N, C-alpha and C. Protein backbone atom coordinates (compact mmCIF):
# COMPACT_ATOMS: atom_id res chain seq x y z
N MET A 1 12.74 25.24 10.63
CA MET A 1 12.75 26.26 9.58
C MET A 1 11.41 26.24 8.84
N LYS A 2 10.84 27.40 8.66
CA LYS A 2 9.56 27.50 7.96
C LYS A 2 9.81 27.54 6.46
N LEU A 3 9.05 26.73 5.73
CA LEU A 3 9.16 26.69 4.27
C LEU A 3 8.39 27.85 3.66
N PRO A 4 8.80 28.29 2.47
CA PRO A 4 7.99 29.29 1.75
C PRO A 4 6.57 28.76 1.54
N GLY A 5 5.61 29.63 1.61
CA GLY A 5 4.21 29.23 1.48
C GLY A 5 3.90 28.49 0.19
N THR A 6 4.49 28.93 -0.93
CA THR A 6 4.21 28.27 -2.21
C THR A 6 4.78 26.85 -2.22
N LEU A 7 5.92 26.64 -1.57
CA LEU A 7 6.50 25.29 -1.49
C LEU A 7 5.64 24.40 -0.61
N GLU A 8 5.17 24.92 0.50
CA GLU A 8 4.26 24.16 1.37
C GLU A 8 2.99 23.78 0.61
N ALA A 9 2.47 24.71 -0.16
CA ALA A 9 1.25 24.45 -0.94
C ALA A 9 1.49 23.35 -1.97
N LEU A 10 2.66 23.36 -2.62
CA LEU A 10 2.99 22.32 -3.59
C LEU A 10 3.09 20.96 -2.91
N ILE A 11 3.75 20.90 -1.78
CA ILE A 11 3.89 19.64 -1.04
C ILE A 11 2.51 19.13 -0.62
N ASP A 12 1.67 20.01 -0.11
CA ASP A 12 0.31 19.62 0.28
C ASP A 12 -0.48 19.12 -0.93
N ALA A 13 -0.31 19.77 -2.06
CA ALA A 13 -1.02 19.36 -3.28
C ALA A 13 -0.59 17.97 -3.72
N LEU A 14 0.69 17.66 -3.62
CA LEU A 14 1.20 16.34 -4.02
C LEU A 14 0.71 15.24 -3.09
N ARG A 15 0.36 15.60 -1.88
CA ARG A 15 -0.11 14.60 -0.91
C ARG A 15 -1.49 14.05 -1.24
N VAL A 16 -2.20 14.67 -2.18
CA VAL A 16 -3.51 14.12 -2.56
C VAL A 16 -3.36 12.81 -3.33
N LEU A 17 -2.17 12.54 -3.85
CA LEU A 17 -1.95 11.30 -4.59
C LEU A 17 -1.96 10.11 -3.64
N PRO A 18 -2.55 8.98 -4.06
CA PRO A 18 -2.60 7.82 -3.17
C PRO A 18 -1.21 7.31 -2.83
N GLY A 19 -1.00 7.00 -1.56
CA GLY A 19 0.27 6.44 -1.12
C GLY A 19 1.38 7.45 -0.94
N VAL A 20 1.08 8.73 -1.11
CA VAL A 20 2.12 9.76 -0.98
C VAL A 20 1.96 10.46 0.36
N GLY A 21 2.95 10.27 1.23
CA GLY A 21 2.96 10.92 2.53
C GLY A 21 3.74 12.21 2.48
N PRO A 22 3.94 12.84 3.61
CA PRO A 22 4.63 14.14 3.63
C PRO A 22 6.07 14.07 3.11
N LYS A 23 6.80 13.01 3.48
CA LYS A 23 8.20 12.92 3.03
C LYS A 23 8.29 12.69 1.52
N SER A 24 7.46 11.79 1.01
CA SER A 24 7.46 11.53 -0.44
C SER A 24 7.05 12.78 -1.20
N ALA A 25 6.04 13.47 -0.70
CA ALA A 25 5.57 14.69 -1.37
C ALA A 25 6.67 15.74 -1.39
N ALA A 26 7.40 15.87 -0.29
CA ALA A 26 8.50 16.84 -0.24
C ALA A 26 9.60 16.46 -1.23
N ARG A 27 9.93 15.16 -1.30
CA ARG A 27 10.96 14.71 -2.26
C ARG A 27 10.53 15.02 -3.69
N MET A 28 9.27 14.76 -4.00
CA MET A 28 8.77 15.04 -5.35
C MET A 28 8.84 16.53 -5.65
N ALA A 29 8.40 17.33 -4.71
CA ALA A 29 8.40 18.79 -4.92
C ALA A 29 9.82 19.29 -5.16
N TYR A 30 10.76 18.88 -4.32
CA TYR A 30 12.16 19.32 -4.49
C TYR A 30 12.74 18.83 -5.81
N HIS A 31 12.40 17.59 -6.18
CA HIS A 31 12.91 17.05 -7.45
C HIS A 31 12.39 17.88 -8.62
N LEU A 32 11.09 18.14 -8.64
CA LEU A 32 10.50 18.90 -9.74
C LEU A 32 11.08 20.32 -9.82
N LEU A 33 11.24 20.94 -8.69
CA LEU A 33 11.73 22.33 -8.67
C LEU A 33 13.23 22.43 -8.93
N GLN A 34 13.98 21.48 -8.43
CA GLN A 34 15.43 21.57 -8.50
C GLN A 34 16.02 20.87 -9.71
N ARG A 35 15.46 19.72 -10.08
CA ARG A 35 16.10 18.89 -11.10
C ARG A 35 15.33 18.79 -12.42
N ASP A 36 14.02 19.07 -12.38
CA ASP A 36 13.24 18.84 -13.60
C ASP A 36 12.13 19.87 -13.76
N ARG A 37 12.53 21.12 -13.89
CA ARG A 37 11.53 22.17 -14.09
C ARG A 37 10.73 21.98 -15.38
N PRO A 38 11.36 21.55 -16.50
CA PRO A 38 10.53 21.27 -17.70
C PRO A 38 9.50 20.17 -17.45
N GLY A 39 9.90 19.14 -16.68
CA GLY A 39 8.95 18.07 -16.33
C GLY A 39 7.82 18.60 -15.47
N ALA A 40 8.16 19.49 -14.54
CA ALA A 40 7.13 20.10 -13.70
C ALA A 40 6.14 20.91 -14.54
N GLN A 41 6.66 21.63 -15.53
CA GLN A 41 5.79 22.43 -16.40
C GLN A 41 4.89 21.51 -17.23
N ARG A 42 5.48 20.41 -17.74
CA ARG A 42 4.70 19.44 -18.52
C ARG A 42 3.59 18.84 -17.65
N LEU A 43 3.95 18.49 -16.42
CA LEU A 43 2.97 17.93 -15.50
C LEU A 43 1.84 18.94 -15.24
N SER A 44 2.21 20.17 -14.99
CA SER A 44 1.22 21.22 -14.73
C SER A 44 0.30 21.42 -15.94
N ASP A 45 0.90 21.52 -17.13
CA ASP A 45 0.11 21.74 -18.35
C ASP A 45 -0.82 20.56 -18.61
N SER A 46 -0.28 19.33 -18.47
CA SER A 46 -1.08 18.12 -18.74
C SER A 46 -2.25 18.01 -17.78
N LEU A 47 -2.01 18.31 -16.51
CA LEU A 47 -3.06 18.24 -15.51
C LEU A 47 -4.15 19.29 -15.80
N LYS A 48 -3.73 20.49 -16.18
CA LYS A 48 -4.69 21.56 -16.50
C LYS A 48 -5.55 21.16 -17.70
N ILE A 49 -4.93 20.64 -18.74
CA ILE A 49 -5.67 20.22 -19.94
C ILE A 49 -6.61 19.06 -19.62
N ALA A 50 -6.11 18.07 -18.85
CA ALA A 50 -6.95 16.92 -18.50
C ALA A 50 -8.18 17.37 -17.71
N LEU A 51 -8.00 18.29 -16.78
CA LEU A 51 -9.13 18.77 -16.00
C LEU A 51 -10.15 19.52 -16.87
N GLU A 52 -9.67 20.19 -17.90
CA GLU A 52 -10.57 20.94 -18.78
C GLU A 52 -11.23 20.05 -19.83
N GLU A 53 -10.49 19.07 -20.35
CA GLU A 53 -10.95 18.30 -21.51
C GLU A 53 -11.62 16.97 -21.18
N LEU A 54 -11.25 16.34 -20.07
CA LEU A 54 -11.79 15.02 -19.77
C LEU A 54 -13.07 15.12 -18.95
N HIS A 55 -14.05 14.35 -19.37
CA HIS A 55 -15.34 14.27 -18.69
C HIS A 55 -15.73 12.80 -18.64
N HIS A 56 -16.86 12.51 -18.03
CA HIS A 56 -17.33 11.12 -17.99
C HIS A 56 -18.17 10.82 -19.22
N CYS A 57 -17.91 9.67 -19.83
CA CYS A 57 -18.73 9.21 -20.95
C CYS A 57 -20.17 9.07 -20.47
N GLU A 58 -21.10 9.51 -21.27
CA GLU A 58 -22.51 9.47 -20.91
C GLU A 58 -23.05 8.05 -20.77
N ARG A 59 -22.39 7.09 -21.40
CA ARG A 59 -22.88 5.70 -21.36
C ARG A 59 -22.15 4.85 -20.34
N CYS A 60 -20.81 4.88 -20.35
CA CYS A 60 -20.05 3.95 -19.50
C CYS A 60 -19.44 4.60 -18.27
N ASN A 61 -19.44 5.92 -18.19
CA ASN A 61 -18.91 6.65 -17.04
C ASN A 61 -17.38 6.69 -17.01
N ASN A 62 -16.70 6.14 -18.02
CA ASN A 62 -15.25 6.21 -18.08
C ASN A 62 -14.85 7.63 -18.50
N PHE A 63 -13.58 7.96 -18.37
CA PHE A 63 -13.12 9.27 -18.81
C PHE A 63 -13.09 9.32 -20.33
N SER A 64 -13.49 10.46 -20.88
CA SER A 64 -13.55 10.63 -22.32
C SER A 64 -13.44 12.10 -22.67
N GLU A 65 -12.93 12.37 -23.86
CA GLU A 65 -12.88 13.75 -24.36
C GLU A 65 -14.15 14.11 -25.11
N THR A 66 -14.96 13.11 -25.42
CA THR A 66 -16.21 13.31 -26.15
C THR A 66 -17.38 12.81 -25.30
N PRO A 67 -18.61 13.24 -25.59
CA PRO A 67 -19.75 12.80 -24.78
C PRO A 67 -19.90 11.28 -24.72
N ILE A 68 -19.65 10.60 -25.84
CA ILE A 68 -19.67 9.13 -25.89
C ILE A 68 -18.26 8.68 -26.25
N CYS A 69 -17.66 7.83 -25.42
CA CYS A 69 -16.26 7.41 -25.66
C CYS A 69 -16.15 6.48 -26.87
N GLU A 70 -14.93 6.25 -27.31
CA GLU A 70 -14.68 5.40 -28.48
C GLU A 70 -15.20 3.99 -28.30
N LEU A 71 -15.01 3.43 -27.10
CA LEU A 71 -15.47 2.06 -26.85
C LEU A 71 -16.98 1.95 -27.00
N CYS A 72 -17.71 2.87 -26.40
CA CYS A 72 -19.18 2.83 -26.47
C CYS A 72 -19.69 3.10 -27.88
N ALA A 73 -18.93 3.88 -28.64
CA ALA A 73 -19.35 4.22 -30.01
C ALA A 73 -18.97 3.14 -31.02
N ASN A 74 -18.19 2.16 -30.60
CA ASN A 74 -17.70 1.12 -31.52
C ASN A 74 -18.83 0.14 -31.84
N PRO A 75 -19.30 0.08 -33.09
CA PRO A 75 -20.41 -0.80 -33.44
C PRO A 75 -20.04 -2.29 -33.40
N ARG A 76 -18.75 -2.61 -33.34
CA ARG A 76 -18.33 -4.01 -33.30
C ARG A 76 -18.39 -4.61 -31.90
N ARG A 77 -18.61 -3.78 -30.88
CA ARG A 77 -18.73 -4.30 -29.51
C ARG A 77 -20.09 -4.96 -29.32
N ASP A 78 -20.14 -6.01 -28.52
CA ASP A 78 -21.38 -6.73 -28.23
C ASP A 78 -22.19 -5.92 -27.21
N ALA A 79 -23.21 -5.25 -27.69
CA ALA A 79 -24.01 -4.36 -26.84
C ALA A 79 -24.90 -5.13 -25.86
N GLN A 80 -25.00 -6.45 -26.02
CA GLN A 80 -25.81 -7.25 -25.10
C GLN A 80 -25.06 -7.56 -23.80
N LEU A 81 -23.73 -7.41 -23.81
CA LEU A 81 -22.91 -7.66 -22.63
C LEU A 81 -22.46 -6.35 -22.00
N LEU A 82 -22.61 -6.24 -20.70
CA LEU A 82 -22.19 -5.05 -19.98
C LEU A 82 -21.33 -5.49 -18.79
N CYS A 83 -20.07 -5.11 -18.81
CA CYS A 83 -19.14 -5.48 -17.75
C CYS A 83 -18.98 -4.31 -16.78
N VAL A 84 -19.18 -4.56 -15.50
CA VAL A 84 -19.08 -3.53 -14.47
C VAL A 84 -17.73 -3.66 -13.77
N VAL A 85 -16.95 -2.58 -13.82
CA VAL A 85 -15.64 -2.55 -13.15
C VAL A 85 -15.61 -1.39 -12.16
N GLU A 86 -14.64 -1.44 -11.25
CA GLU A 86 -14.54 -0.40 -10.24
C GLU A 86 -13.93 0.89 -10.79
N MET A 87 -12.82 0.77 -11.50
CA MET A 87 -12.04 1.94 -11.90
C MET A 87 -11.62 1.83 -13.37
N PRO A 88 -11.26 2.97 -14.00
CA PRO A 88 -10.80 2.93 -15.39
C PRO A 88 -9.61 2.00 -15.60
N VAL A 89 -8.72 1.91 -14.63
CA VAL A 89 -7.57 1.02 -14.78
C VAL A 89 -8.03 -0.44 -14.89
N ASP A 90 -9.14 -0.79 -14.25
CA ASP A 90 -9.68 -2.15 -14.36
C ASP A 90 -10.22 -2.41 -15.77
N LEU A 91 -10.87 -1.41 -16.34
CA LEU A 91 -11.33 -1.51 -17.72
C LEU A 91 -10.14 -1.73 -18.66
N ASN A 92 -9.07 -0.98 -18.43
CA ASN A 92 -7.88 -1.12 -19.27
C ASN A 92 -7.31 -2.53 -19.18
N ARG A 93 -7.27 -3.09 -17.97
CA ARG A 93 -6.74 -4.45 -17.79
C ARG A 93 -7.63 -5.47 -18.50
N MET A 94 -8.94 -5.28 -18.42
CA MET A 94 -9.87 -6.19 -19.11
C MET A 94 -9.62 -6.13 -20.62
N GLU A 95 -9.44 -4.93 -21.14
CA GLU A 95 -9.21 -4.77 -22.57
C GLU A 95 -7.88 -5.40 -23.01
N GLU A 96 -6.87 -5.34 -22.15
CA GLU A 96 -5.57 -5.94 -22.48
C GLU A 96 -5.68 -7.43 -22.70
N THR A 97 -6.64 -8.09 -22.07
CA THR A 97 -6.78 -9.55 -22.23
C THR A 97 -7.30 -9.92 -23.62
N GLN A 98 -8.00 -9.01 -24.27
CA GLN A 98 -8.65 -9.25 -25.56
C GLN A 98 -9.61 -10.44 -25.49
N ALA A 99 -10.13 -10.71 -24.28
CA ALA A 99 -11.02 -11.84 -24.08
C ALA A 99 -12.48 -11.41 -23.96
N TYR A 100 -12.72 -10.11 -23.89
CA TYR A 100 -14.07 -9.60 -23.68
C TYR A 100 -14.39 -8.61 -24.79
N GLY A 101 -15.56 -8.78 -25.41
CA GLY A 101 -15.91 -7.92 -26.53
C GLY A 101 -17.16 -7.09 -26.32
N GLY A 102 -17.64 -7.03 -25.08
CA GLY A 102 -18.84 -6.27 -24.79
C GLY A 102 -18.54 -4.83 -24.41
N LEU A 103 -19.51 -4.20 -23.76
CA LEU A 103 -19.38 -2.82 -23.31
C LEU A 103 -19.13 -2.80 -21.80
N TYR A 104 -18.93 -1.61 -21.25
CA TYR A 104 -18.55 -1.46 -19.86
C TYR A 104 -19.38 -0.42 -19.14
N PHE A 105 -19.32 -0.51 -17.82
CA PHE A 105 -19.74 0.59 -16.95
C PHE A 105 -18.71 0.68 -15.84
N VAL A 106 -18.15 1.89 -15.64
CA VAL A 106 -17.12 2.11 -14.63
C VAL A 106 -17.77 2.80 -13.42
N LEU A 107 -17.72 2.15 -12.28
CA LEU A 107 -18.33 2.69 -11.06
C LEU A 107 -17.57 3.88 -10.50
N MET A 108 -16.28 3.97 -10.77
CA MET A 108 -15.41 5.00 -10.19
C MET A 108 -15.31 4.84 -8.67
N GLY A 109 -15.31 3.59 -8.23
CA GLY A 109 -15.16 3.29 -6.82
C GLY A 109 -15.85 2.00 -6.46
N ARG A 110 -16.02 1.78 -5.18
CA ARG A 110 -16.70 0.59 -4.67
C ARG A 110 -17.35 0.97 -3.35
N LEU A 111 -18.36 0.22 -2.97
CA LEU A 111 -19.05 0.48 -1.72
C LEU A 111 -18.08 0.32 -0.55
N SER A 112 -18.06 1.29 0.32
CA SER A 112 -17.20 1.25 1.50
C SER A 112 -17.82 2.15 2.56
N PRO A 113 -18.81 1.62 3.29
CA PRO A 113 -19.52 2.44 4.27
C PRO A 113 -18.60 3.10 5.30
N LEU A 114 -17.52 2.42 5.69
CA LEU A 114 -16.60 3.00 6.67
C LEU A 114 -15.92 4.26 6.14
N ASP A 115 -15.77 4.34 4.80
CA ASP A 115 -15.16 5.52 4.19
C ASP A 115 -16.21 6.50 3.67
N GLY A 116 -17.47 6.24 3.97
CA GLY A 116 -18.54 7.13 3.54
C GLY A 116 -18.90 6.99 2.08
N VAL A 117 -18.58 5.83 1.47
CA VAL A 117 -18.88 5.61 0.06
C VAL A 117 -20.08 4.67 -0.03
N GLY A 118 -21.21 5.24 -0.45
CA GLY A 118 -22.44 4.47 -0.59
C GLY A 118 -22.87 4.37 -2.04
N PRO A 119 -24.06 3.85 -2.29
CA PRO A 119 -24.56 3.67 -3.66
C PRO A 119 -24.57 4.95 -4.49
N LYS A 120 -24.89 6.09 -3.88
CA LYS A 120 -24.94 7.35 -4.64
C LYS A 120 -23.55 7.77 -5.10
N GLU A 121 -22.54 7.54 -4.26
CA GLU A 121 -21.18 7.98 -4.58
C GLU A 121 -20.57 7.20 -5.73
N ILE A 122 -21.03 5.98 -5.98
CA ILE A 122 -20.47 5.20 -7.09
C ILE A 122 -21.42 5.11 -8.29
N GLY A 123 -22.43 5.94 -8.29
CA GLY A 123 -23.28 6.05 -9.48
C GLY A 123 -24.13 4.85 -9.80
N LEU A 124 -24.67 4.18 -8.78
CA LEU A 124 -25.48 2.99 -9.05
C LEU A 124 -26.77 3.31 -9.81
N GLU A 125 -27.31 4.52 -9.61
CA GLU A 125 -28.52 4.90 -10.36
C GLU A 125 -28.22 4.94 -11.86
N ARG A 126 -27.06 5.48 -12.22
CA ARG A 126 -26.65 5.52 -13.64
C ARG A 126 -26.46 4.11 -14.18
N LEU A 127 -25.85 3.24 -13.37
CA LEU A 127 -25.65 1.86 -13.80
C LEU A 127 -26.99 1.17 -14.05
N LEU A 128 -27.94 1.36 -13.16
CA LEU A 128 -29.25 0.73 -13.33
C LEU A 128 -29.93 1.21 -14.61
N ARG A 129 -29.86 2.51 -14.87
CA ARG A 129 -30.44 3.04 -16.12
C ARG A 129 -29.74 2.43 -17.32
N ARG A 130 -28.43 2.36 -17.26
CA ARG A 130 -27.62 1.82 -18.37
C ARG A 130 -27.94 0.34 -18.61
N ALA A 131 -28.04 -0.43 -17.53
CA ALA A 131 -28.29 -1.87 -17.65
C ALA A 131 -29.69 -2.17 -18.15
N GLN A 132 -30.63 -1.24 -17.93
CA GLN A 132 -32.01 -1.44 -18.36
C GLN A 132 -32.30 -0.70 -19.66
N ASP A 133 -31.32 -0.63 -20.54
CA ASP A 133 -31.47 0.13 -21.79
C ASP A 133 -32.24 -0.62 -22.86
N GLY A 134 -32.66 -1.85 -22.57
CA GLY A 134 -33.40 -2.63 -23.55
C GLY A 134 -32.50 -3.47 -24.44
N THR A 135 -31.20 -3.24 -24.41
CA THR A 135 -30.25 -4.00 -25.23
C THR A 135 -29.45 -4.97 -24.38
N THR A 136 -29.09 -4.56 -23.18
CA THR A 136 -28.27 -5.38 -22.29
C THR A 136 -28.99 -6.67 -21.92
N GLN A 137 -28.33 -7.81 -22.14
CA GLN A 137 -28.89 -9.11 -21.79
C GLN A 137 -28.19 -9.73 -20.57
N GLU A 138 -26.91 -9.39 -20.40
CA GLU A 138 -26.15 -9.95 -19.28
C GLU A 138 -25.20 -8.89 -18.73
N VAL A 139 -25.14 -8.82 -17.41
CA VAL A 139 -24.20 -7.92 -16.74
C VAL A 139 -23.13 -8.78 -16.07
N VAL A 140 -21.89 -8.52 -16.44
CA VAL A 140 -20.75 -9.26 -15.89
C VAL A 140 -20.11 -8.39 -14.81
N LEU A 141 -20.11 -8.87 -13.59
CA LEU A 141 -19.52 -8.11 -12.49
C LEU A 141 -18.04 -8.45 -12.37
N ALA A 142 -17.20 -7.45 -12.56
CA ALA A 142 -15.75 -7.64 -12.52
C ALA A 142 -15.13 -6.72 -11.47
N THR A 143 -15.80 -6.62 -10.32
CA THR A 143 -15.22 -5.87 -9.22
C THR A 143 -14.12 -6.72 -8.60
N ASN A 144 -13.24 -6.07 -7.84
CA ASN A 144 -12.11 -6.78 -7.25
C ASN A 144 -12.58 -7.74 -6.17
N TYR A 145 -11.74 -8.74 -5.90
CA TYR A 145 -12.05 -9.71 -4.85
C TYR A 145 -11.50 -9.26 -3.51
N THR A 146 -11.88 -8.04 -3.12
CA THR A 146 -11.61 -7.50 -1.79
C THR A 146 -12.93 -7.51 -1.05
N ALA A 147 -12.90 -7.23 0.24
CA ALA A 147 -14.16 -7.19 1.01
C ALA A 147 -15.12 -6.17 0.39
N GLU A 148 -14.61 -4.99 0.03
CA GLU A 148 -15.46 -3.95 -0.55
C GLU A 148 -15.94 -4.34 -1.94
N GLY A 149 -15.05 -4.94 -2.73
CA GLY A 149 -15.42 -5.37 -4.08
C GLY A 149 -16.48 -6.45 -4.06
N GLU A 150 -16.34 -7.39 -3.11
CA GLU A 150 -17.34 -8.45 -2.96
C GLU A 150 -18.69 -7.87 -2.53
N ALA A 151 -18.64 -6.94 -1.57
CA ALA A 151 -19.88 -6.31 -1.11
C ALA A 151 -20.55 -5.55 -2.25
N THR A 152 -19.74 -4.87 -3.05
CA THR A 152 -20.27 -4.12 -4.19
C THR A 152 -20.91 -5.07 -5.19
N ALA A 153 -20.21 -6.16 -5.50
CA ALA A 153 -20.74 -7.14 -6.46
C ALA A 153 -22.06 -7.72 -5.95
N HIS A 154 -22.12 -8.05 -4.68
CA HIS A 154 -23.35 -8.63 -4.12
C HIS A 154 -24.50 -7.62 -4.19
N TYR A 155 -24.24 -6.40 -3.79
CA TYR A 155 -25.27 -5.35 -3.79
C TYR A 155 -25.79 -5.09 -5.21
N VAL A 156 -24.86 -4.93 -6.15
CA VAL A 156 -25.23 -4.66 -7.54
C VAL A 156 -25.99 -5.85 -8.12
N SER A 157 -25.52 -7.05 -7.81
CA SER A 157 -26.17 -8.27 -8.30
C SER A 157 -27.62 -8.34 -7.86
N GLU A 158 -27.87 -8.06 -6.59
CA GLU A 158 -29.25 -8.10 -6.07
C GLU A 158 -30.13 -7.05 -6.76
N LEU A 159 -29.59 -5.86 -6.97
CA LEU A 159 -30.35 -4.80 -7.65
C LEU A 159 -30.71 -5.21 -9.07
N LEU A 160 -29.75 -5.77 -9.79
CA LEU A 160 -29.96 -6.12 -11.19
C LEU A 160 -30.87 -7.33 -11.35
N LYS A 161 -30.69 -8.33 -10.51
CA LYS A 161 -31.54 -9.53 -10.58
C LYS A 161 -32.99 -9.18 -10.27
N ALA A 162 -33.19 -8.24 -9.35
CA ALA A 162 -34.55 -7.81 -9.01
C ALA A 162 -35.24 -7.15 -10.21
N ARG A 163 -34.45 -6.71 -11.18
CA ARG A 163 -34.99 -6.08 -12.38
C ARG A 163 -35.00 -7.04 -13.57
N GLY A 164 -34.79 -8.31 -13.29
CA GLY A 164 -34.89 -9.35 -14.32
C GLY A 164 -33.69 -9.49 -15.22
N LEU A 165 -32.56 -8.94 -14.84
CA LEU A 165 -31.36 -9.05 -15.67
C LEU A 165 -30.52 -10.26 -15.28
N LYS A 166 -29.89 -10.87 -16.26
CA LYS A 166 -28.96 -11.97 -16.00
C LYS A 166 -27.65 -11.36 -15.50
N VAL A 167 -27.14 -11.89 -14.40
CA VAL A 167 -25.92 -11.36 -13.80
C VAL A 167 -24.92 -12.48 -13.62
N SER A 168 -23.66 -12.23 -13.99
CA SER A 168 -22.59 -13.20 -13.77
C SER A 168 -21.42 -12.50 -13.09
N ARG A 169 -20.49 -13.29 -12.58
CA ARG A 169 -19.33 -12.76 -11.87
C ARG A 169 -18.08 -13.39 -12.47
N ILE A 170 -17.03 -12.59 -12.67
CA ILE A 170 -15.80 -13.17 -13.19
C ILE A 170 -15.29 -14.20 -12.18
N ALA A 171 -14.65 -15.25 -12.70
CA ALA A 171 -14.15 -16.32 -11.84
C ALA A 171 -12.83 -15.90 -11.18
N ARG A 172 -12.45 -16.66 -10.20
CA ARG A 172 -11.15 -16.45 -9.55
C ARG A 172 -10.58 -17.81 -9.21
N GLY A 173 -9.30 -17.85 -8.99
CA GLY A 173 -8.68 -19.12 -8.64
C GLY A 173 -7.22 -19.14 -9.03
N MET A 174 -6.78 -20.28 -9.51
CA MET A 174 -5.36 -20.49 -9.84
C MET A 174 -4.92 -19.59 -10.99
N PRO A 175 -3.79 -18.92 -10.84
CA PRO A 175 -3.28 -18.12 -11.96
C PRO A 175 -2.70 -19.02 -13.05
N ALA A 176 -2.76 -18.57 -14.29
CA ALA A 176 -2.18 -19.34 -15.40
C ALA A 176 -0.70 -19.52 -15.14
N GLY A 177 -0.24 -20.75 -15.28
CA GLY A 177 1.18 -21.04 -15.05
C GLY A 177 1.53 -21.19 -13.58
N GLY A 178 0.52 -21.08 -12.70
CA GLY A 178 0.78 -21.19 -11.27
C GLY A 178 1.00 -22.62 -10.84
N GLU A 179 1.81 -22.81 -9.82
CA GLU A 179 2.06 -24.13 -9.25
C GLU A 179 1.46 -24.17 -7.86
N LEU A 180 0.75 -25.27 -7.55
CA LEU A 180 0.06 -25.38 -6.26
C LEU A 180 0.99 -25.09 -5.08
N GLU A 181 2.22 -25.53 -5.20
CA GLU A 181 3.19 -25.37 -4.12
C GLU A 181 3.34 -23.90 -3.70
N TYR A 182 3.18 -22.99 -4.64
CA TYR A 182 3.45 -21.57 -4.37
C TYR A 182 2.20 -20.70 -4.26
N VAL A 183 1.03 -21.32 -4.34
CA VAL A 183 -0.22 -20.56 -4.30
C VAL A 183 -0.80 -20.61 -2.90
N ASP A 184 -1.34 -19.48 -2.41
CA ASP A 184 -1.91 -19.46 -1.06
C ASP A 184 -3.15 -20.33 -0.96
N THR A 185 -3.45 -20.79 0.26
CA THR A 185 -4.55 -21.74 0.46
C THR A 185 -5.91 -21.17 0.10
N MET A 186 -6.13 -19.86 0.33
CA MET A 186 -7.42 -19.25 -0.02
C MET A 186 -7.66 -19.32 -1.53
N THR A 187 -6.61 -19.06 -2.31
CA THR A 187 -6.75 -19.11 -3.77
C THR A 187 -7.03 -20.54 -4.22
N ILE A 188 -6.35 -21.52 -3.64
CA ILE A 188 -6.58 -22.92 -3.99
C ILE A 188 -8.00 -23.32 -3.64
N ALA A 189 -8.46 -22.91 -2.45
CA ALA A 189 -9.83 -23.24 -2.04
C ALA A 189 -10.84 -22.64 -3.00
N GLN A 190 -10.62 -21.40 -3.41
CA GLN A 190 -11.54 -20.76 -4.34
C GLN A 190 -11.51 -21.46 -5.70
N ALA A 191 -10.32 -21.87 -6.14
CA ALA A 191 -10.21 -22.59 -7.42
C ALA A 191 -10.99 -23.90 -7.37
N ILE A 192 -10.96 -24.57 -6.22
CA ILE A 192 -11.72 -25.82 -6.08
C ILE A 192 -13.22 -25.52 -6.13
N ASN A 193 -13.65 -24.49 -5.41
CA ASN A 193 -15.06 -24.14 -5.38
C ASN A 193 -15.56 -23.68 -6.74
N ASP A 194 -14.72 -23.01 -7.53
CA ASP A 194 -15.13 -22.48 -8.83
C ASP A 194 -14.77 -23.42 -9.97
N ARG A 195 -14.50 -24.68 -9.68
CA ARG A 195 -14.10 -25.62 -10.73
C ARG A 195 -15.22 -25.78 -11.75
N ARG A 196 -14.85 -26.21 -12.97
CA ARG A 196 -15.85 -26.42 -14.03
C ARG A 196 -15.63 -27.76 -14.71
N ALA A 197 -16.67 -28.29 -15.29
CA ALA A 197 -16.59 -29.59 -15.95
C ALA A 197 -15.77 -29.48 -17.23
N LEU A 198 -15.07 -30.53 -17.57
CA LEU A 198 -14.28 -30.58 -18.81
C LEU A 198 -14.92 -31.48 -19.83
């Protein structure tokens, strides 16, 4: 049976979301149309407003409604520290820890040559300009510990060190409250390698 064109278009549109295949997209479309039309309207309105109102902060590249976001405009932040993260959600997680008081730069991705994502696609030129603003003293690399995240951290580190900037990397290892018995061997090995003096 052929679906109405508008329903097919909605299902195809929902498939742009990460992890959403054709069956999930169809379930979402039917749910919104059949069970939650007000929710569908809210979703439509919110998406339209977000697309019109949200832009990239001129300093950190995060999403913002203003040219300079609240974090970058906050005079209480340590402007000498610049933390580089892959995505806005990573910035949010860093902020939840309340352990970091510096500023940020959001790459909006990570290097992944197999996916066609190179230095230009993640805004490395903007990062270099930002890091060389005359105020930044240390760049903290907080990319994920995936193959792509590691490659991104290494590439960015080499670029920044070549320009005389101090570069550090967030540590990894044993989770707080973790027991050796339940932790994978790679994590234990990394915790041993990243040990520090007491």
